[in-house]
Protein backbone atom coordinates (compact mmCIF):
# COMPACT_ATOMS: atom_id res chain seq x y z
CA UNK A 1 0.00 0.00 0.00
CA UNK A 2 1.25 3.46 -0.83
CA UNK A 3 0.57 6.48 1.36
CA UNK A 4 0.73 9.97 -0.03
CA UNK A 5 3.00 12.33 1.86
CA UNK A 6 4.80 15.57 1.19
CA UNK A 7 8.41 16.49 1.76
CA UNK A 8 10.45 19.62 1.31
CA UNK A 9 13.67 19.35 -0.69
CA UNK A 10 16.35 21.79 -1.68
CA UNK A 11 15.92 23.12 -5.20
CA UNK A 12 19.31 21.83 -6.36
CA UNK A 13 18.49 18.33 -5.08
CA UNK A 14 15.15 18.35 -6.84
CA UNK A 15 16.92 19.31 -10.07
CA UNK A 16 19.28 16.33 -9.70
CA UNK A 17 16.34 14.00 -9.00
CA UNK A 18 14.59 15.21 -12.14
CA UNK A 19 17.76 14.74 -14.20
CA UNK A 20 18.49 11.28 -12.81
CA UNK A 21 14.97 9.92 -12.90
CA UNK A 22 14.65 10.33 -16.65
CA UNK A 23 11.65 11.26 -18.75
CA UNK A 24 9.52 8.18 -17.98
CA UNK A 25 9.96 7.96 -14.22
CA UNK A 26 8.43 10.17 -11.63
CA UNK A 27 9.96 11.74 -8.57
CA UNK A 28 8.13 9.45 -6.17
CA UNK A 29 9.56 6.30 -7.80
CA UNK A 30 13.07 7.74 -7.77
CA UNK A 31 12.88 8.90 -4.14
CA UNK A 32 11.35 5.59 -2.98
CA UNK A 33 14.15 3.61 -4.66
CA UNK A 34 16.78 5.93 -3.19
CA UNK A 35 15.37 5.62 0.33
CA UNK A 36 15.11 1.82 0.02
CA UNK A 37 18.75 1.66 -1.13
CA UNK A 38 19.83 3.89 1.76
CA UNK A 39 17.94 1.83 4.34
CA UNK A 40 19.43 -1.38 2.92
CA UNK A 41 22.94 0.12 3.14
CA UNK A 42 22.41 1.25 6.75
CA UNK A 43 21.15 -2.23 7.63
CA UNK A 44 24.21 -3.85 5.99
CA UNK A 45 26.55 -1.40 7.74
CA UNK A 46 25.02 -2.21 11.13
CA UNK A 47 25.28 -5.97 10.51
CA UNK A 48 28.88 -5.59 9.36
CA UNK A 49 29.70 -3.59 12.49
CA UNK A 50 28.14 -6.30 14.70
CA UNK A 51 30.05 -9.01 12.83
CA UNK A 52 33.32 -7.11 13.14
CA UNK A 53 32.73 -6.63 16.86
CA UNK A 54 32.20 -10.39 17.28
CA UNK A 55 35.36 -11.16 15.31
CA UNK A 56 37.39 -8.62 17.29
CA UNK A 57 36.16 -10.04 20.61
CA UNK A 58 37.22 -13.52 19.46
CA UNK A 59 40.44 -12.44 17.69
CA UNK A 60 42.92 -13.75 20.27
CA UNK A 61 41.28 -17.17 20.41
CA UNK A 62 40.93 -17.38 16.62
CA UNK A 63 44.56 -16.33 16.07
CA UNK A 64 45.78 -18.92 18.56
CA UNK A 65 43.69 -21.58 16.82
CA UNK A 66 45.20 -20.59 13.46
CA UNK A 67 48.72 -20.81 14.90
CA UNK A 68 47.96 -24.27 16.28
CA UNK A 69 46.71 -25.44 12.87
CA UNK A 70 49.84 -24.13 11.19
CA UNK A 71 52.05 -26.21 13.49
CA UNK A 72 50.49 -29.36 11.99
CA UNK A 73 51.50 -28.46 8.44
CA UNK A 74 54.35 -30.42 6.94
CA UNK A 75 56.99 -28.16 5.48
CA UNK A 76 59.18 -29.40 2.58
PDB file of N, CA and C in Angstrom:
ATOM      1  N   UNK A   1       0.838  -1.166   0.000  1.00  0.00           N
ATOM      2  CA  UNK A   1       0.000   0.000   0.000  1.00  0.00           C
ATOM      3  C   UNK A   1       0.892   1.240   0.000  1.00  0.00           C
ATOM      4  N   UNK A   2       0.517   2.198  -0.766  1.00  0.00           N
ATOM      5  CA  UNK A   2       1.245   3.461  -0.832  1.00  0.00           C
ATOM      6  C   UNK A   2       0.457   4.520  -0.068  1.00  0.00           C
ATOM      7  N   UNK A   3       1.181   5.381   0.619  1.00  0.00           N
ATOM      8  CA  UNK A   3       0.570   6.480   1.357  1.00  0.00           C
ATOM      9  C   UNK A   3       1.150   7.778   0.829  1.00  0.00           C
ATOM     10  N   UNK A   4       0.291   8.684   0.492  1.00  0.00           N
ATOM     11  CA  UNK A   4       0.730   9.969  -0.031  1.00  0.00           C
ATOM     12  C   UNK A   4       1.257  10.815   1.118  1.00  0.00           C
ATOM     13  N   UNK A   5       2.395  11.457   0.872  1.00  0.00           N
ATOM     14  CA  UNK A   5       3.005  12.330   1.861  1.00  0.00           C
ATOM     15  C   UNK A   5       3.646  13.495   1.119  1.00  0.00           C
ATOM     16  N   UNK A   6       4.083  14.476   1.845  1.00  0.00           N
ATOM     17  CA  UNK A   6       4.796  15.574   1.190  1.00  0.00           C
ATOM     18  C   UNK A   6       6.096  15.814   1.938  1.00  0.00           C
ATOM     19  N   UNK A   7       7.108  16.181   1.178  1.00  0.00           N
ATOM     20  CA  UNK A   7       8.411  16.486   1.760  1.00  0.00           C
ATOM     21  C   UNK A   7       8.923  17.782   1.146  1.00  0.00           C
ATOM     22  N   UNK A   8       9.840  18.399   1.813  1.00  0.00           N
ATOM     23  CA  UNK A   8      10.455  19.621   1.314  1.00  0.00           C
ATOM     24  C   UNK A   8      11.905  19.314   0.988  1.00  0.00           C
ATOM     25  N   UNK A   9      12.312  19.618  -0.239  1.00  0.00           N
ATOM     26  CA  UNK A   9      13.670  19.350  -0.692  1.00  0.00           C
ATOM     27  C   UNK A   9      14.308  20.632  -1.204  1.00  0.00           C
ATOM     28  N   UNK A  10      15.611  20.663  -1.124  1.00  0.00           N
ATOM     29  CA  UNK A  10      16.350  21.792  -1.684  1.00  0.00           C
ATOM     30  C   UNK A  10      16.173  21.801  -3.202  1.00  0.00           C
ATOM     31  N   UNK A  11      16.151  22.976  -3.763  1.00  0.00           N
ATOM     32  CA  UNK A  11      15.921  23.121  -5.202  1.00  0.00           C
ATOM     33  C   UNK A  11      16.988  22.400  -6.024  1.00  0.00           C
ATOM     34  N   UNK A  12      18.240  22.490  -5.600  1.00  0.00           N
ATOM     35  CA  UNK A  12      19.311  21.828  -6.359  1.00  0.00           C
ATOM     36  C   UNK A  12      19.167  20.302  -6.306  1.00  0.00           C
ATOM     37  N   UNK A  13      18.705  19.773  -5.181  1.00  0.00           N
ATOM     38  CA  UNK A  13      18.489  18.330  -5.076  1.00  0.00           C
ATOM     39  C   UNK A  13      17.329  17.889  -5.964  1.00  0.00           C
ATOM     40  N   UNK A  14      16.293  18.669  -5.993  1.00  0.00           N
ATOM     41  CA  UNK A  14      15.151  18.355  -6.844  1.00  0.00           C
ATOM     42  C   UNK A  14      15.553  18.351  -8.315  1.00  0.00           C
ATOM     43  N   UNK A  15      16.429  19.259  -8.685  1.00  0.00           N
ATOM     44  CA  UNK A  15      16.919  19.313 -10.069  1.00  0.00           C
ATOM     45  C   UNK A  15      17.686  18.028 -10.405  1.00  0.00           C
ATOM     46  N   UNK A  16      18.519  17.564  -9.485  1.00  0.00           N
ATOM     47  CA  UNK A  16      19.277  16.328  -9.698  1.00  0.00           C
ATOM     48  C   UNK A  16      18.324  15.134  -9.806  1.00  0.00           C
ATOM     49  N   UNK A  17      17.326  15.091  -8.946  1.00  0.00           N
ATOM     50  CA  UNK A  17      16.343  14.001  -9.002  1.00  0.00           C
ATOM     51  C   UNK A  17      15.660  13.982 -10.360  1.00  0.00           C
ATOM     52  N   UNK A  18      15.251  15.134 -10.832  1.00  0.00           N
ATOM     53  CA  UNK A  18      14.594  15.214 -12.135  1.00  0.00           C
ATOM     54  C   UNK A  18      15.527  14.771 -13.260  1.00  0.00           C
ATOM     55  N   UNK A  19      16.788  15.140 -13.176  1.00  0.00           N
ATOM     56  CA  UNK A  19      17.762  14.741 -14.197  1.00  0.00           C
ATOM     57  C   UNK A  19      18.016  13.240 -14.153  1.00  0.00           C
ATOM     58  N   UNK A  20      18.148  12.686 -12.968  1.00  0.00           N
ATOM     59  CA  UNK A  20      18.492  11.278 -12.814  1.00  0.00           C
ATOM     60  C   UNK A  20      17.312  10.339 -13.046  1.00  0.00           C
ATOM     61  N   UNK A  21      16.117  10.816 -12.784  1.00  0.00           N
ATOM     62  CA  UNK A  21      14.966   9.921 -12.897  1.00  0.00           C
ATOM     63  C   UNK A  21      14.527   9.705 -14.333  1.00  0.00           C
ATOM     64  N   UNK A  22      14.960  10.531 -15.243  1.00  0.00           N
ATOM     65  CA  UNK A  22      14.648  10.328 -16.652  1.00  0.00           C
ATOM     66  C   UNK A  22      13.239  10.763 -17.007  1.00  0.00           C
ATOM     67  N   UNK A  23      12.931  10.731 -18.285  1.00  0.00           N
ATOM     68  CA  UNK A  23      11.649  11.262 -18.754  1.00  0.00           C
ATOM     69  C   UNK A  23      10.446  10.376 -18.427  1.00  0.00           C
ATOM     70  N   UNK A  24      10.651   9.084 -18.166  1.00  0.00           N
ATOM     71  CA  UNK A  24       9.522   8.180 -17.976  1.00  0.00           C
ATOM     72  C   UNK A  24       9.306   7.778 -16.521  1.00  0.00           C
ATOM     73  N   UNK A  25      10.128   8.268 -15.633  1.00  0.00           N
ATOM     74  CA  UNK A  25       9.964   7.956 -14.217  1.00  0.00           C
ATOM     75  C   UNK A  25       9.456   9.208 -13.514  1.00  0.00           C
ATOM     76  N   UNK A  26       8.847   8.998 -12.384  1.00  0.00           N
ATOM     77  CA  UNK A  26       8.430  10.175 -11.631  1.00  0.00           C
ATOM     78  C   UNK A  26       9.281  10.317 -10.375  1.00  0.00           C
ATOM     79  N   UNK A  27       9.159  11.451  -9.753  1.00  0.00           N
ATOM     80  CA  UNK A  27       9.964  11.739  -8.568  1.00  0.00           C
ATOM     81  C   UNK A  27       9.715  10.727  -7.445  1.00  0.00           C
ATOM     82  N   UNK A  28       8.470  10.364  -7.261  1.00  0.00           N
ATOM     83  CA  UNK A  28       8.134   9.447  -6.170  1.00  0.00           C
ATOM     84  C   UNK A  28       8.850   8.112  -6.321  1.00  0.00           C
ATOM     85  N   UNK A  29       8.875   7.576  -7.547  1.00  0.00           N
ATOM     86  CA  UNK A  29       9.555   6.299  -7.798  1.00  0.00           C
ATOM     87  C   UNK A  29      11.047   6.444  -7.500  1.00  0.00           C
ATOM     88  N   UNK A  30      11.634   7.519  -7.988  1.00  0.00           N
ATOM     89  CA  UNK A  30      13.066   7.744  -7.774  1.00  0.00           C
ATOM     90  C   UNK A  30      13.384   7.856  -6.285  1.00  0.00           C
ATOM     91  N   UNK A  31      12.620   8.679  -5.570  1.00  0.00           N
ATOM     92  CA  UNK A  31      12.882   8.895  -4.145  1.00  0.00           C
ATOM     93  C   UNK A  31      12.646   7.608  -3.352  1.00  0.00           C
ATOM     94  N   UNK A  32      11.608   6.850  -3.691  1.00  0.00           N
ATOM     95  CA  UNK A  32      11.347   5.594  -2.981  1.00  0.00           C
ATOM     96  C   UNK A  32      12.510   4.617  -3.173  1.00  0.00           C
ATOM     97  N   UNK A  33      13.006   4.497  -4.407  1.00  0.00           N
ATOM     98  CA  UNK A  33      14.153   3.608  -4.657  1.00  0.00           C
ATOM     99  C   UNK A  33      15.392   4.078  -3.908  1.00  0.00           C
ATOM    100  N   UNK A  34      15.605   5.386  -3.883  1.00  0.00           N
ATOM    101  CA  UNK A  34      16.776   5.930  -3.185  1.00  0.00           C
ATOM    102  C   UNK A  34      16.696   5.666  -1.684  1.00  0.00           C
ATOM    103  N   UNK A  35      15.532   5.849  -1.111  1.00  0.00           N
ATOM    104  CA  UNK A  35      15.367   5.622   0.329  1.00  0.00           C
ATOM    105  C   UNK A  35      15.524   4.137   0.645  1.00  0.00           C
ATOM    106  N   UNK A  36      14.957   3.268  -0.196  1.00  0.00           N
ATOM    107  CA  UNK A  36      15.113   1.819   0.022  1.00  0.00           C
ATOM    108  C   UNK A  36      16.597   1.419  -0.044  1.00  0.00           C
ATOM    109  N   UNK A  37      17.326   1.970  -1.008  1.00  0.00           N
ATOM    110  CA  UNK A  37      18.755   1.664  -1.128  1.00  0.00           C
ATOM    111  C   UNK A  37      19.515   2.159   0.104  1.00  0.00           C
ATOM    112  N   UNK A  38      19.172   3.341   0.584  1.00  0.00           N
ATOM    113  CA  UNK A  38      19.828   3.891   1.761  1.00  0.00           C
ATOM    114  C   UNK A  38      19.556   3.029   2.995  1.00  0.00           C
ATOM    115  N   UNK A  39      18.308   2.655   3.191  1.00  0.00           N
ATOM    116  CA  UNK A  39      17.944   1.828   4.344  1.00  0.00           C
ATOM    117  C   UNK A  39      18.654   0.475   4.272  1.00  0.00           C
ATOM    118  N   UNK A  40      18.727  -0.109   3.089  1.00  0.00           N
ATOM    119  CA  UNK A  40      19.433  -1.385   2.925  1.00  0.00           C
ATOM    120  C   UNK A  40      20.907  -1.230   3.270  1.00  0.00           C
ATOM    121  N   UNK A  41      21.518  -0.116   2.849  1.00  0.00           N
ATOM    122  CA  UNK A  41      22.938   0.118   3.142  1.00  0.00           C
ATOM    123  C   UNK A  41      23.157   0.305   4.640  1.00  0.00           C
ATOM    124  N   UNK A  42      22.291   1.051   5.295  1.00  0.00           N
ATOM    125  CA  UNK A  42      22.410   1.251   6.753  1.00  0.00           C
ATOM    126  C   UNK A  42      22.273  -0.086   7.474  1.00  0.00           C
ATOM    127  N   UNK A  43      21.340  -0.910   7.026  1.00  0.00           N
ATOM    128  CA  UNK A  43      21.147  -2.230   7.630  1.00  0.00           C
ATOM    129  C   UNK A  43      22.399  -3.086   7.457  1.00  0.00           C
ATOM    130  N   UNK A  44      22.972  -3.089   6.232  1.00  0.00           N
ATOM    131  CA  UNK A  44      24.212  -3.850   5.991  1.00  0.00           C
ATOM    132  C   UNK A  44      25.353  -3.316   6.844  1.00  0.00           C
ATOM    133  N   UNK A  45      25.475  -1.997   6.942  1.00  0.00           N
ATOM    134  CA  UNK A  45      26.549  -1.402   7.740  1.00  0.00           C
ATOM    135  C   UNK A  45      26.439  -1.799   9.209  1.00  0.00           C
ATOM    136  N   UNK A  46      25.220  -1.806   9.732  1.00  0.00           N
ATOM    137  CA  UNK A  46      25.022  -2.212  11.133  1.00  0.00           C
ATOM    138  C   UNK A  46      25.376  -3.681  11.336  1.00  0.00           C
ATOM    139  N   UNK A  47      24.956  -4.541  10.404  1.00  0.00           N
ATOM    140  CA  UNK A  47      25.276  -5.968  10.507  1.00  0.00           C
ATOM    141  C   UNK A  47      26.784  -6.187  10.418  1.00  0.00           C
ATOM    142  N   UNK A  48      27.427  -5.474   9.492  1.00  0.00           N
ATOM    143  CA  UNK A  48      28.880  -5.592   9.362  1.00  0.00           C
ATOM    144  C   UNK A  48      29.590  -5.134  10.630  1.00  0.00           C
ATOM    145  N   UNK A  49      29.102  -4.076  11.244  1.00  0.00           N
ATOM    146  CA  UNK A  49      29.703  -3.592  12.492  1.00  0.00           C
ATOM    147  C   UNK A  49      29.534  -4.629  13.604  1.00  0.00           C
ATOM    148  N   UNK A  50      28.342  -5.248  13.689  1.00  0.00           N
ATOM    149  CA  UNK A  50      28.137  -6.300  14.700  1.00  0.00           C
ATOM    150  C   UNK A  50      29.067  -7.482  14.442  1.00  0.00           C
ATOM    151  N   UNK A  51      29.169  -7.890  13.170  1.00  0.00           N
ATOM    152  CA  UNK A  51      30.046  -9.015  12.834  1.00  0.00           C
ATOM    153  C   UNK A  51      31.499  -8.702  13.174  1.00  0.00           C
ATOM    154  N   UNK A  52      31.943  -7.497  12.848  1.00  0.00           N
ATOM    155  CA  UNK A  52      33.321  -7.109  13.143  1.00  0.00           C
ATOM    156  C   UNK A  52      33.572  -7.094  14.648  1.00  0.00           C
ATOM    157  N   UNK A  53      32.597  -6.632  15.404  1.00  0.00           N
ATOM    158  CA  UNK A  53      32.730  -6.631  16.859  1.00  0.00           C
ATOM    159  C   UNK A  53      32.884  -8.052  17.391  1.00  0.00           C
ATOM    160  N   UNK A  54      32.095  -8.979  16.865  1.00  0.00           N
ATOM    161  CA  UNK A  54      32.201 -10.386  17.280  1.00  0.00           C
ATOM    162  C   UNK A  54      33.577 -10.942  16.939  1.00  0.00           C
ATOM    163  N   UNK A  55      34.038 -10.675  15.734  1.00  0.00           N
ATOM    164  CA  UNK A  55      35.362 -11.155  15.307  1.00  0.00           C
ATOM    165  C   UNK A  55      36.446 -10.568  16.193  1.00  0.00           C
ATOM    166  N   UNK A  56      36.373  -9.265  16.464  1.00  0.00           N
ATOM    167  CA  UNK A  56      37.394  -8.624  17.288  1.00  0.00           C
ATOM    168  C   UNK A  56      37.404  -9.179  18.713  1.00  0.00           C
ATOM    169  N   UNK A  57      36.218  -9.475  19.254  1.00  0.00           N
ATOM    170  CA  UNK A  57      36.164 -10.041  20.607  1.00  0.00           C
ATOM    171  C   UNK A  57      36.750 -11.450  20.649  1.00  0.00           C
ATOM    172  N   UNK A  58      36.717 -12.144  19.528  1.00  0.00           N
ATOM    173  CA  UNK A  58      37.222 -13.519  19.464  1.00  0.00           C
ATOM    174  C   UNK A  58      38.612 -13.606  18.813  1.00  0.00           C
ATOM    175  N   UNK A  59      39.201 -12.471  18.472  1.00  0.00           N
ATOM    176  CA  UNK A  59      40.437 -12.442  17.688  1.00  0.00           C
ATOM    177  C   UNK A  59      41.569 -13.234  18.333  1.00  0.00           C
ATOM    178  N   UNK A  60      41.801 -13.050  19.624  1.00  0.00           N
ATOM    179  CA  UNK A  60      42.919 -13.749  20.268  1.00  0.00           C
ATOM    180  C   UNK A  60      42.738 -15.264  20.182  1.00  0.00           C
ATOM    181  N   UNK A  61      41.543 -15.733  20.470  1.00  0.00           N
ATOM    182  CA  UNK A  61      41.279 -17.171  20.411  1.00  0.00           C
ATOM    183  C   UNK A  61      41.412 -17.685  18.975  1.00  0.00           C
ATOM    184  N   UNK A  62      40.858 -16.946  18.015  1.00  0.00           N
ATOM    185  CA  UNK A  62      40.932 -17.375  16.616  1.00  0.00           C
ATOM    186  C   UNK A  62      42.373 -17.378  16.101  1.00  0.00           C
ATOM    187  N   UNK A  63      43.150 -16.376  16.488  1.00  0.00           N
ATOM    188  CA  UNK A  63      44.557 -16.330  16.069  1.00  0.00           C
ATOM    189  C   UNK A  63      45.347 -17.483  16.676  1.00  0.00           C
ATOM    190  N   UNK A  64      45.089 -17.800  17.924  1.00  0.00           N
ATOM    191  CA  UNK A  64      45.779 -18.922  18.559  1.00  0.00           C
ATOM    192  C   UNK A  64      45.409 -20.232  17.866  1.00  0.00           C
ATOM    193  N   UNK A  65      44.140 -20.379  17.526  1.00  0.00           N
ATOM    194  CA  UNK A  65      43.686 -21.577  16.823  1.00  0.00           C
ATOM    195  C   UNK A  65      44.378 -21.697  15.457  1.00  0.00           C
ATOM    196  N   UNK A  66      44.527 -20.581  14.761  1.00  0.00           N
ATOM    197  CA  UNK A  66      45.201 -20.593  13.461  1.00  0.00           C
ATOM    198  C   UNK A  66      46.673 -20.972  13.621  1.00  0.00           C
ATOM    199  N   UNK A  67      47.324 -20.450  14.649  1.00  0.00           N
ATOM    200  CA  UNK A  67      48.716 -20.808  14.900  1.00  0.00           C
ATOM    201  C   UNK A  67      48.847 -22.294  15.201  1.00  0.00           C
ATOM    202  N   UNK A  68      47.936 -22.841  15.969  1.00  0.00           N
ATOM    203  CA  UNK A  68      47.956 -24.269  16.281  1.00  0.00           C
ATOM    204  C   UNK A  68      47.820 -25.103  15.010  1.00  0.00           C
ATOM    205  N   UNK A  69      46.922 -24.720  14.126  1.00  0.00           N
ATOM    206  CA  UNK A  69      46.708 -25.441  12.872  1.00  0.00           C
ATOM    207  C   UNK A  69      47.989 -25.400  12.030  1.00  0.00           C
ATOM    208  N   UNK A  70      48.634 -24.257  12.000  1.00  0.00           N
ATOM    209  CA  UNK A  70      49.845 -24.126  11.189  1.00  0.00           C
ATOM    210  C   UNK A  70      50.977 -25.026  11.689  1.00  0.00           C
ATOM    211  N   UNK A  71      50.988 -25.334  12.969  1.00  0.00           N
ATOM    212  CA  UNK A  71      52.051 -26.211  13.492  1.00  0.00           C
ATOM    213  C   UNK A  71      51.900 -27.640  12.973  1.00  0.00           C
ATOM    214  N   UNK A  72      50.713 -28.013  12.517  1.00  0.00           N
ATOM    215  CA  UNK A  72      50.494 -29.357  11.993  1.00  0.00           C
ATOM    216  C   UNK A  72      50.866 -29.504  10.518  1.00  0.00           C
ATOM    217  N   UNK A  73      51.147 -28.393   9.859  1.00  0.00           N
ATOM    218  CA  UNK A  73      51.498 -28.456   8.443  1.00  0.00           C
ATOM    219  C   UNK A  73      52.898 -29.032   8.275  1.00  0.00           C
ATOM    220  N   UNK A  74      53.052 -29.852   7.259  1.00  0.00           N
ATOM    221  CA  UNK A  74      54.353 -30.421   6.943  1.00  0.00           C
ATOM    222  C   UNK A  74      55.048 -29.490   5.969  1.00  0.00           C
ATOM    223  N   UNK A  75      56.222 -29.045   6.366  1.00  0.00           N
ATOM    224  CA  UNK A  75      56.986 -28.160   5.482  1.00  0.00           C
ATOM    225  C   UNK A  75      57.983 -28.990   4.680  1.00  0.00           C
ATOM    226  N   UNK A  76      58.216 -28.627   3.418  1.00  0.00           N
ATOM    227  CA  UNK A  76      59.178 -29.400   2.583  1.00  0.00           C
ATOM    228  C   UNK A  76      60.595 -29.264   3.040  1.00  0.00           C
TER     229      UNK A  76
END
